[in-house]
């Protein structure tokens, strides 16, 4: 059971780079961690939170496991929590 965060390599709003924050065990764990981190609900997108580079170090300090984007996606899919966009 882990909360995972990838590197802040995704360009986003306000000129910041962004990371993805996921859980490989439950969405409840993910939502609880996001509250602890101070990430607003609006940052949640189907199966992950978008986290600005300014909060990345704090997420790791709070216990998020820093992994590559590929590892994050692999573990999210393996957990069964992956929610793809509908077409």
Protein backbone atom coordinates (compact mmCIF):
# COMPACT_ATOMS: atom_id res chain seq x y z
CA UNK A 1 0.00 0.00 0.00
CA UNK A 2 1.61 3.17 -1.19
CA UNK A 3 0.97 6.66 -2.35
CA UNK A 4 3.18 7.36 -5.36
CA UNK A 5 4.35 10.56 -7.01
CA UNK A 6 6.21 10.95 -10.28
CA UNK A 7 8.65 13.73 -11.26
CA UNK A 8 7.21 17.20 -11.96
CA UNK A 9 7.75 17.03 -15.73
CA UNK A 10 4.26 17.84 -17.03
CA UNK A 11 3.69 21.48 -18.09
CA UNK A 12 0.55 22.99 -16.65
CA UNK A 13 -1.24 26.06 -15.38
CA UNK A 14 0.55 29.08 -13.93
CA UNK A 15 3.78 28.19 -15.73
CA UNK A 16 4.48 25.35 -13.29
CA UNK A 17 5.54 21.77 -13.90
CA UNK A 18 3.21 19.12 -12.48
CA UNK A 19 3.37 15.60 -11.04
CA UNK A 20 0.79 12.86 -10.68
CA UNK A 21 -0.12 11.55 -7.24
CA UNK A 22 -1.74 8.09 -7.10
CA UNK A 23 -2.38 5.23 -4.70
CA UNK A 24 -1.70 1.62 -5.58
CA UNK A 25 -4.21 0.39 -2.99
CA UNK A 26 -7.30 2.61 -2.70
CA UNK A 27 -8.81 5.91 -3.70
CA UNK A 28 -9.62 6.54 -0.03
CA UNK A 29 -5.90 6.39 0.78
CA UNK A 30 -5.22 8.78 -2.10
CA UNK A 31 -7.90 11.27 -1.03
CA UNK A 32 -6.72 11.17 2.60
CA UNK A 33 -3.14 11.86 1.52
CA UNK A 34 -4.25 14.73 -0.73
CA UNK A 35 -6.04 16.34 2.23
CA UNK A 36 -2.89 15.95 4.35
CA UNK A 37 -0.84 17.52 1.55
CA UNK A 38 -3.35 20.34 1.10
CA UNK A 39 -4.22 19.52 -2.51
CA UNK A 40 -7.70 20.81 -3.43
CA UNK A 41 -10.43 18.43 -4.65
CA UNK A 42 -10.44 20.16 -8.03
CA UNK A 43 -6.96 18.67 -8.68
CA UNK A 44 -8.44 15.14 -8.77
CA UNK A 45 -8.83 13.64 -12.26
CA UNK A 46 -10.40 10.14 -12.42
CA UNK A 47 -7.57 8.22 -10.69
CA UNK A 48 -4.91 10.76 -9.73
CA UNK A 49 -4.24 14.22 -8.40
CA UNK A 50 -2.24 16.77 -10.34
CA UNK A 51 0.33 18.22 -7.93
CA UNK A 52 2.41 21.33 -8.69
CA UNK A 53 6.19 21.22 -8.45
CA UNK A 54 5.94 23.47 -5.40
CA UNK A 55 4.32 20.63 -3.41
CA UNK A 56 6.45 17.74 -4.70
CA UNK A 57 9.10 17.75 -1.94
CA UNK A 58 6.43 18.04 0.75
CA UNK A 59 4.58 15.02 -0.69
CA UNK A 60 7.77 12.97 -0.43
CA UNK A 61 8.37 14.25 3.12
CA UNK A 62 4.86 13.09 4.05
CA UNK A 63 5.59 9.60 2.74
CA UNK A 64 4.78 9.53 -0.97
CA UNK A 65 7.10 7.17 -2.82
CA UNK A 66 8.98 8.98 -5.59
CA UNK A 67 8.89 6.82 -8.74
CA UNK A 68 9.27 7.31 -12.47
CA UNK A 69 6.19 8.12 -14.52
CA UNK A 70 6.41 4.67 -16.12
CA UNK A 71 6.54 2.94 -12.72
CA UNK A 72 3.64 5.04 -11.42
CA UNK A 73 1.48 4.05 -14.40
CA UNK A 74 2.51 0.39 -14.18
CA UNK A 75 1.57 0.19 -10.51
CA UNK A 76 -1.66 2.14 -10.99
CA UNK A 77 -2.76 -0.27 -13.73
CA UNK A 78 -1.72 -3.32 -11.67
CA UNK A 79 -3.79 -2.03 -8.73
CA UNK A 80 -6.97 -2.00 -10.81
CA UNK A 81 -7.54 1.68 -9.97
CA UNK A 82 -6.68 3.06 -13.44
CA UNK A 83 -9.60 5.01 -14.92
CA UNK A 84 -9.10 5.88 -18.57
CA UNK A 85 -10.84 8.80 -20.27
CA UNK A 86 -14.08 7.83 -21.95
CA UNK A 87 -14.29 8.37 -25.67
